[in-house]
N, C-alpha and C. Protein backbone atom coordinates (compact mmCIF):
# COMPACT_ATOMS: atom_id res chain seq x y z
N THR A 1 17.66 11.97 -38.73
CA THR A 1 16.37 11.73 -38.58
C THR A 1 15.83 12.41 -37.18
N ILE A 2 14.56 12.42 -37.03
CA ILE A 2 14.00 12.94 -35.89
C ILE A 2 14.33 11.97 -34.62
N GLY A 3 14.33 10.70 -34.78
CA GLY A 3 14.61 9.85 -33.72
C GLY A 3 16.04 10.05 -33.17
N SER A 4 16.96 10.16 -34.10
CA SER A 4 18.35 10.40 -33.67
C SER A 4 18.61 11.84 -33.09
N SER A 5 17.75 12.85 -33.47
CA SER A 5 17.91 14.03 -32.91
C SER A 5 17.38 14.07 -31.34
N ILE A 6 16.30 13.40 -31.23
CA ILE A 6 15.74 13.28 -29.86
C ILE A 6 16.70 12.55 -29.01
N SER A 7 17.31 11.47 -29.50
CA SER A 7 18.27 10.66 -28.67
C SER A 7 19.48 11.57 -28.42
N LEU A 8 20.01 12.52 -29.38
CA LEU A 8 21.18 13.32 -29.10
C LEU A 8 20.80 14.31 -28.07
N LEU A 9 19.56 14.97 -28.06
CA LEU A 9 19.14 15.84 -27.21
C LEU A 9 19.17 15.19 -25.79
N GLY A 10 18.50 14.03 -25.69
CA GLY A 10 18.38 13.37 -24.38
C GLY A 10 19.77 13.23 -23.78
N ILE A 11 20.76 12.72 -24.54
CA ILE A 11 22.08 12.48 -24.16
C ILE A 11 22.88 13.84 -23.68
N ILE A 12 22.52 14.80 -24.42
CA ILE A 12 23.17 16.08 -24.11
C ILE A 12 22.47 16.57 -22.80
N LEU A 13 21.27 16.42 -22.51
CA LEU A 13 20.61 16.76 -21.33
C LEU A 13 20.97 15.92 -20.22
N PHE A 14 21.27 14.69 -20.42
CA PHE A 14 21.68 13.70 -19.30
C PHE A 14 23.24 14.21 -18.93
N LEU A 15 24.04 14.45 -19.96
CA LEU A 15 25.32 14.93 -19.55
C LEU A 15 25.43 16.24 -18.84
N TYR A 16 24.52 17.19 -19.20
CA TYR A 16 24.53 18.33 -18.39
C TYR A 16 24.00 18.18 -17.02
N ILE A 17 23.02 17.32 -16.77
CA ILE A 17 22.60 17.07 -15.45
C ILE A 17 23.63 16.43 -14.54
N ILE A 18 24.40 15.48 -15.20
CA ILE A 18 25.64 14.90 -14.40
C ILE A 18 26.53 15.99 -14.21
N TRP A 19 26.91 16.76 -15.11
CA TRP A 19 27.94 17.85 -14.92
C TRP A 19 27.56 18.91 -13.90
N GLU A 20 26.27 19.30 -14.01
CA GLU A 20 25.77 20.28 -13.01
C GLU A 20 25.64 19.80 -11.71
N SER A 21 25.38 18.42 -11.41
CA SER A 21 25.33 17.89 -10.11
C SER A 21 26.78 17.71 -9.68
N MET A 22 27.72 17.44 -10.47
CA MET A 22 29.13 17.43 -9.86
C MET A 22 29.63 18.87 -9.48
N MET A 23 29.30 19.90 -10.17
CA MET A 23 29.78 21.20 -10.02
C MET A 23 29.16 21.88 -8.82
N THR A 24 27.95 21.61 -8.58
CA THR A 24 27.20 22.37 -7.52
C THR A 24 27.45 21.65 -6.07
N GLN A 25 27.58 20.46 -6.13
CA GLN A 25 27.78 19.70 -4.79
C GLN A 25 26.81 20.01 -3.78
N ARG A 26 25.47 19.85 -4.16
CA ARG A 26 24.48 20.14 -3.25
C ARG A 26 24.32 19.10 -2.15
N GLN A 27 23.66 19.37 -1.03
CA GLN A 27 23.52 18.47 0.02
C GLN A 27 22.34 17.35 -0.36
N VAL A 28 22.57 16.16 -0.03
CA VAL A 28 21.64 15.06 -0.45
C VAL A 28 20.34 15.24 0.43
N ILE A 29 19.23 15.33 -0.31
CA ILE A 29 17.87 15.40 0.53
C ILE A 29 17.52 14.16 1.00
N PHE A 30 17.48 12.97 0.14
CA PHE A 30 17.13 11.67 0.57
C PHE A 30 18.36 10.89 0.56
N PRO A 31 18.84 10.52 1.69
CA PRO A 31 20.14 9.72 1.76
C PRO A 31 19.85 8.29 1.32
N ILE A 32 20.76 7.51 0.83
CA ILE A 32 20.54 6.15 0.34
C ILE A 32 20.34 5.25 1.61
N GLN A 33 21.02 5.68 2.71
CA GLN A 33 20.90 4.67 3.93
C GLN A 33 19.67 4.85 4.83
N LEU A 34 18.69 4.68 4.24
CA LEU A 34 17.38 4.67 5.01
C LEU A 34 17.29 3.32 5.69
N ASN A 35 17.90 3.05 6.78
CA ASN A 35 17.80 1.73 7.40
C ASN A 35 16.83 1.78 8.43
N SER A 36 15.78 2.76 8.44
CA SER A 36 14.65 2.63 9.41
C SER A 36 13.39 1.97 8.82
N SER A 37 13.46 1.38 7.58
CA SER A 37 12.33 0.83 7.16
C SER A 37 12.33 -0.77 7.69
N ILE A 38 11.16 -1.33 7.56
CA ILE A 38 10.95 -2.63 8.11
C ILE A 38 11.73 -3.80 7.53
N GLU A 39 12.22 -3.57 6.30
CA GLU A 39 12.92 -4.54 5.63
C GLU A 39 14.15 -4.82 6.36
N TRP A 40 14.80 -3.79 7.01
CA TRP A 40 16.16 -3.90 7.50
C TRP A 40 16.02 -4.68 9.01
N TYR A 41 14.92 -4.77 9.48
CA TYR A 41 14.73 -5.48 10.74
C TYR A 41 14.60 -6.97 10.65
N GLN A 42 14.36 -7.42 9.33
CA GLN A 42 14.19 -8.84 9.11
C GLN A 42 15.36 -9.52 8.56
N ASN A 43 15.48 -10.76 8.64
CA ASN A 43 16.60 -11.46 7.89
C ASN A 43 16.08 -11.56 6.41
N THR A 44 17.05 -11.72 5.49
CA THR A 44 16.80 -11.76 4.23
C THR A 44 16.91 -13.05 3.57
N PRO A 45 16.01 -13.61 2.83
CA PRO A 45 14.69 -13.25 2.74
C PRO A 45 13.99 -13.55 4.06
N PRO A 46 12.82 -12.94 4.30
CA PRO A 46 12.13 -13.21 5.58
C PRO A 46 11.40 -14.67 5.47
N ALA A 47 11.05 -15.08 6.55
CA ALA A 47 10.39 -16.41 6.60
C ALA A 47 8.96 -16.19 6.01
N GLU A 48 8.30 -17.20 5.57
CA GLU A 48 7.07 -17.09 4.95
C GLU A 48 6.02 -16.38 5.92
N HIS A 49 6.06 -16.88 7.06
CA HIS A 49 5.12 -16.33 8.12
C HIS A 49 5.86 -15.53 9.19
N SER A 50 6.37 -14.36 8.84
CA SER A 50 7.27 -13.63 9.65
C SER A 50 6.39 -12.87 10.53
N TYR A 51 5.18 -12.49 10.26
CA TYR A 51 4.44 -11.63 11.19
C TYR A 51 3.08 -12.30 11.62
N SER A 52 2.86 -12.20 12.84
CA SER A 52 1.51 -12.79 13.31
C SER A 52 0.44 -11.78 12.97
N GLU A 53 0.87 -10.55 12.86
CA GLU A 53 -0.19 -9.52 12.48
C GLU A 53 0.49 -8.58 11.56
N LEU A 54 -0.21 -7.59 10.89
CA LEU A 54 0.38 -6.73 9.99
C LEU A 54 1.20 -5.71 10.70
N PRO A 55 2.49 -5.48 10.21
CA PRO A 55 3.35 -4.57 11.07
C PRO A 55 2.78 -3.05 10.81
N MET A 56 3.18 -2.18 11.81
CA MET A 56 2.88 -0.90 11.73
C MET A 56 4.17 -0.07 12.11
N LEU A 57 4.58 0.99 11.36
CA LEU A 57 5.79 1.74 11.58
C LEU A 57 5.26 3.02 12.18
N THR A 58 5.97 3.49 13.17
CA THR A 58 5.60 4.77 13.70
C THR A 58 6.98 5.55 13.95
N ASN A 59 6.90 6.91 13.85
CA ASN A 59 8.07 7.68 14.01
C ASN A 59 8.32 8.11 15.46
């Protein structure tokens, strides 16, 4: 049926993307370890009233 054909095409495309990413070994553009965000400066979970004013991030 058409639904199974679309699913098969999606699986084939998914496997091709996985295979191609493993073969090319490109450099990661967005690393997973983005510890510069404000969530990493607080304890988890943050207290209900963590900020006396809205936080502002600058580079």
